[in-house]
Amino acid sequence: MNKPTVISMCLAGEIAYLTIRGRLVAGEEIAALRETILRTAPNFKILIVNVRDVEKIDAAGISALVFAYSTAQSLGVRFRLAAVSPRLAELLKITRLDTILSKPEVATERAVYE
């Protein structure tokens, strides 16, 4: 049996820091992430999504990350991924999403919250 996906949030000033633990695959996990993004993004200037503990991701999960990015951009919110695993980095590179979803300054922003 799979562990449930948990999306936790840390708020600091104008920054929302979401952490995803578990699976990011088609189904309830994606719906929960989309709902969290829609509820959170309008209230902050920076949205950081930590994906370190994402155990499995499929095409729907990648699509959900693009949805998060697009939603943030449409609201004028900076979006960053934090703690991207080598496997996810490779998937982003293959899909050519690495240029918009992975940014080098994430490490310094992420350090504030750990």
Protein backbone atom coordinates (compact mmCIF):
# COMPACT_ATOMS: atom_id res chain seq x y z
CA MET A 1 0.00 0.00 0.00
CA ASN A 2 1.28 3.46 -0.89
CA LYS A 3 1.81 6.14 1.71
CA PRO A 4 -0.55 9.09 1.31
CA THR A 5 0.82 12.20 -0.33
CA VAL A 6 1.24 15.09 2.08
CA ILE A 7 1.48 18.72 1.05
CA SER A 8 2.68 20.96 3.85
CA MET A 9 3.13 24.70 3.82
CA CYS A 10 5.45 27.16 5.55
CA LEU A 11 4.62 30.83 5.19
CA ALA A 12 7.15 33.60 5.72
CA GLY A 13 6.23 37.14 4.77
CA GLU A 14 5.67 37.19 1.03
CA ILE A 15 6.96 33.64 0.49
CA ALA A 16 4.93 30.45 0.46
CA TYR A 17 7.06 27.31 0.74
CA LEU A 18 5.22 24.09 -0.15
CA THR A 19 6.71 20.67 0.51
CA ILE A 20 5.36 17.61 -1.26
CA ARG A 21 5.97 14.19 0.32
CA GLY A 22 4.91 10.99 -1.40
CA ARG A 23 3.60 10.43 -4.89
CA LEU A 24 2.74 13.06 -7.45
CA VAL A 25 0.67 10.98 -9.84
CA ALA A 26 -2.70 11.15 -11.58
CA GLY A 27 -5.60 11.19 -9.16
CA GLU A 28 -6.22 12.73 -5.77
CA GLU A 29 -2.60 13.84 -5.36
CA ILE A 30 -2.80 16.11 -8.39
CA ALA A 31 -6.18 17.51 -7.39
CA ALA A 32 -4.82 18.33 -3.92
CA LEU A 33 -1.76 20.10 -5.35
CA ARG A 34 -3.83 22.13 -7.82
CA GLU A 35 -6.24 23.16 -5.08
CA THR A 36 -3.35 24.17 -2.80
CA ILE A 37 -1.74 26.22 -5.58
CA LEU A 38 -5.00 28.00 -6.44
CA ARG A 39 -5.61 28.81 -2.76
CA THR A 40 -2.04 29.87 -1.97
CA ALA A 41 -0.47 31.60 -4.98
CA PRO A 42 -2.69 34.72 -5.07
CA ASN A 43 -1.57 35.69 -1.56
CA PHE A 44 2.23 35.63 -2.02
CA LYS A 45 4.97 37.07 -4.20
CA ILE A 46 7.15 33.96 -4.24
CA LEU A 47 6.03 30.33 -4.37
CA ILE A 48 8.68 27.68 -3.71
CA VAL A 49 7.78 24.01 -4.13
CA ASN A 50 10.11 21.52 -2.46
CA VAL A 51 10.02 18.20 -4.34
CA ARG A 52 12.82 16.43 -2.45
CA ASP A 53 10.48 13.84 -0.96
CA VAL A 54 8.45 13.11 -4.10
CA GLU A 55 8.86 9.35 -4.40
CA LYS A 56 7.13 8.91 -7.73
CA ILE A 57 6.01 11.33 -10.44
CA ASP A 58 4.20 10.65 -13.69
CA ALA A 59 3.12 12.80 -16.65
CA ALA A 60 0.19 14.14 -14.62
CA GLY A 61 2.63 15.14 -11.87
CA ILE A 62 4.84 16.99 -14.34
CA SER A 63 1.71 18.64 -15.71
CA ALA A 64 0.73 19.71 -12.18
CA LEU A 65 4.13 21.39 -11.73
CA VAL A 66 3.60 23.22 -15.03
CA PHE A 67 0.12 24.21 -13.81
CA ALA A 68 1.69 25.58 -10.60
CA TYR A 69 4.25 27.53 -12.62
CA SER A 70 1.66 28.89 -15.07
CA THR A 71 -0.74 29.87 -12.31
CA ALA A 72 2.00 31.66 -10.41
CA GLN A 73 3.20 33.46 -13.54
CA SER A 74 -0.31 34.61 -14.44
CA LEU A 75 -0.60 36.16 -10.97
CA GLY A 76 2.83 37.81 -11.11
CA VAL A 77 4.20 35.38 -8.53
CA ARG A 78 7.78 34.05 -8.82
CA PHE A 79 7.79 30.24 -8.93
CA ARG A 80 10.71 27.98 -8.05
CA LEU A 81 11.27 24.28 -7.49
CA ALA A 82 13.52 23.34 -4.59
CA ALA A 83 15.49 20.16 -3.91
CA VAL A 84 14.97 18.63 -7.37
CA SER A 85 16.17 15.03 -7.41
CA PRO A 86 18.50 13.86 -10.20
CA ARG A 87 15.65 11.72 -11.61
CA LEU A 88 13.20 14.62 -11.71
CA ALA A 89 15.91 16.90 -13.12
CA GLU A 90 16.41 14.41 -15.94
CA LEU A 91 12.65 14.27 -16.64
CA LEU A 92 12.52 18.06 -16.73
CA LYS A 93 15.48 18.12 -19.11
CA ILE A 94 13.92 15.52 -21.44
CA THR A 95 10.68 17.51 -21.57
CA ARG A 96 12.65 20.77 -21.89
CA LEU A 97 10.92 22.14 -18.81
CA ASP A 98 14.21 22.50 -16.97
CA THR A 99 14.66 25.98 -18.40
CA ILE A 100 11.52 27.30 -16.72
CA LEU A 101 11.04 25.09 -13.67
CA SER A 102 14.61 24.70 -12.38
CA LYS A 103 16.47 27.83 -11.37
CA PRO A 104 19.92 28.09 -9.75
CA GLU A 105 18.84 30.63 -7.11
CA VAL A 106 16.55 28.05 -5.51
CA ALA A 107 19.33 26.80 -3.26
CA THR A 108 19.75 30.14 -1.52
CA GLU A 109 16.00 30.70 -1.15
CA ARG A 110 15.54 27.15 0.11
CA ALA A 111 18.27 27.51 2.74
CA VAL A 112 16.17 30.10 4.56
CA TYR A 113 13.55 27.45 5.37
CA GLU A 114 15.69 24.52 6.44
